[in-house]
Amino acid sequence: MTERQFRELETEIARYRILEREVTDPLAACLLHVIISELEADLQKDREPGQQLCPGD
């Protein structure tokens, strides 16, 4: 994953967090929480030590 893709994913996570705070439906909030957790896990997995970013990005 490139550095640009990491930044885009972090931006997407931030947007979902805002939605999670603003939503009033408990089911929607729960689903958003699950989405955020999965995106954060993907981000952390791809940021593990030893993983190289694609050169030139």
C-alpha atoms as a PDB file:
ATOM      1  CA  MET A   1       0.000   0.000   0.000  1.00  0.00           C
ATOM      2  CA  THR A   2       1.322   3.411  -0.900  1.00  0.00           C
ATOM      3  CA  GLU A   3       1.626   6.363   1.454  1.00  0.00           C
ATOM      4  CA  ARG A   4      -1.160   8.094  -0.454  1.00  0.00           C
ATOM      5  CA  GLN A   5      -3.433   5.081   0.052  1.00  0.00           C
ATOM      6  CA  PHE A   6      -2.640   5.148   3.783  1.00  0.00           C
ATOM      7  CA  ARG A   7      -3.613   8.823   3.988  1.00  0.00           C
ATOM      8  CA  GLU A   8      -6.834   8.184   2.060  1.00  0.00           C
ATOM      9  CA  LEU A   9      -7.720   5.303   4.378  1.00  0.00           C
ATOM     10  CA  GLU A  10      -7.017   7.438   7.453  1.00  0.00           C
ATOM     11  CA  THR A  11      -9.281  10.150   5.996  1.00  0.00           C
ATOM     12  CA  GLU A  12     -12.024   7.599   5.355  1.00  0.00           C
ATOM     13  CA  ILE A  13     -11.747   6.325   8.935  1.00  0.00           C
ATOM     14  CA  ALA A  14     -12.037   9.893  10.247  1.00  0.00           C
ATOM     15  CA  ARG A  15     -15.195  10.447   8.193  1.00  0.00           C
ATOM     16  CA  TYR A  16     -16.756   7.255   9.542  1.00  0.00           C
ATOM     17  CA  ARG A  17     -15.900   8.349  13.098  1.00  0.00           C
ATOM     18  CA  ILE A  18     -17.730  11.627  12.539  1.00  0.00           C
ATOM     19  CA  LEU A  19     -20.755   9.761  11.196  1.00  0.00           C
ATOM     20  CA  GLU A  20     -20.645   7.392  14.165  1.00  0.00           C
ATOM     21  CA  ARG A  21     -20.822  10.342  16.586  1.00  0.00           C
ATOM     22  CA  GLU A  22     -23.643  12.047  14.687  1.00  0.00           C
ATOM     23  CA  VAL A  23     -25.917   9.088  13.983  1.00  0.00           C
ATOM     24  CA  THR A  24     -28.899   8.608  16.287  1.00  0.00           C
ATOM     25  CA  ASP A  25     -29.875   5.062  15.276  1.00  0.00           C
ATOM     26  CA  PRO A  26     -28.155   2.521  17.593  1.00  0.00           C
ATOM     27  CA  LEU A  27     -27.944  -0.113  14.846  1.00  0.00           C
ATOM     28  CA  ALA A  28     -26.333   2.342  12.451  1.00  0.00           C
ATOM     29  CA  ALA A  29     -23.857   3.386  15.147  1.00  0.00           C
ATOM     30  CA  CYS A  30     -22.987  -0.249  15.799  1.00  0.00           C
ATOM     31  CA  LEU A  31     -22.463  -0.963  12.089  1.00  0.00           C
ATOM     32  CA  LEU A  32     -20.289   2.127  11.706  1.00  0.00           C
ATOM     33  CA  HIS A  33     -18.239   1.003  14.701  1.00  0.00           C
ATOM     34  CA  VAL A  34     -17.661  -2.381  13.047  1.00  0.00           C
ATOM     35  CA  ILE A  35     -16.638  -0.707   9.774  1.00  0.00           C
ATOM     36  CA  ILE A  36     -14.196   1.568  11.619  1.00  0.00           C
ATOM     37  CA  SER A  37     -12.701  -1.373  13.518  1.00  0.00           C
ATOM     38  CA  GLU A  38     -12.153  -3.330  10.312  1.00  0.00           C
ATOM     39  CA  LEU A  39     -10.596  -0.370   8.496  1.00  0.00           C
ATOM     40  CA  GLU A  40      -8.283   0.322  11.446  1.00  0.00           C
ATOM     41  CA  ALA A  41      -7.250  -3.344  11.524  1.00  0.00           C
ATOM     42  CA  ASP A  42      -6.438  -3.204   7.810  1.00  0.00           C
ATOM     43  CA  LEU A  43      -4.450  -0.034   8.322  1.00  0.00           C
ATOM     44  CA  GLN A  44      -2.496  -1.488  11.233  1.00  0.00           C
ATOM     45  CA  LYS A  45      -1.854  -4.774   9.425  1.00  0.00           C
ATOM     46  CA  ASP A  46      -0.405  -2.923   6.448  1.00  0.00           C
ATOM     47  CA  ARG A  47       1.738  -0.734   8.721  1.00  0.00           C
ATOM     48  CA  GLU A  48       3.461  -3.644  10.486  1.00  0.00           C
ATOM     49  CA  PRO A  49       7.243  -3.340  10.787  1.00  0.00           C
ATOM     50  CA  GLY A  50       9.166  -4.675   7.856  1.00  0.00           C
ATOM     51  CA  GLN A  51       6.499  -3.839   5.312  1.00  0.00           C
ATOM     52  CA  GLN A  52       7.831  -1.544   2.620  1.00  0.00           C
ATOM     53  CA  LEU A  53       5.850   1.100   0.821  1.00  0.00           C
ATOM     54  CA  CYS A  54       5.890   1.136  -2.955  1.00  0.00           C
ATOM     55  CA  PRO A  55       8.667   3.424  -4.177  1.00  0.00           C
ATOM     56  CA  GLY A  56       7.715   6.609  -5.959  1.00  0.00           C
ATOM     57  CA  ASP A  57       4.503   7.320  -4.056  1.00  0.00           C
END
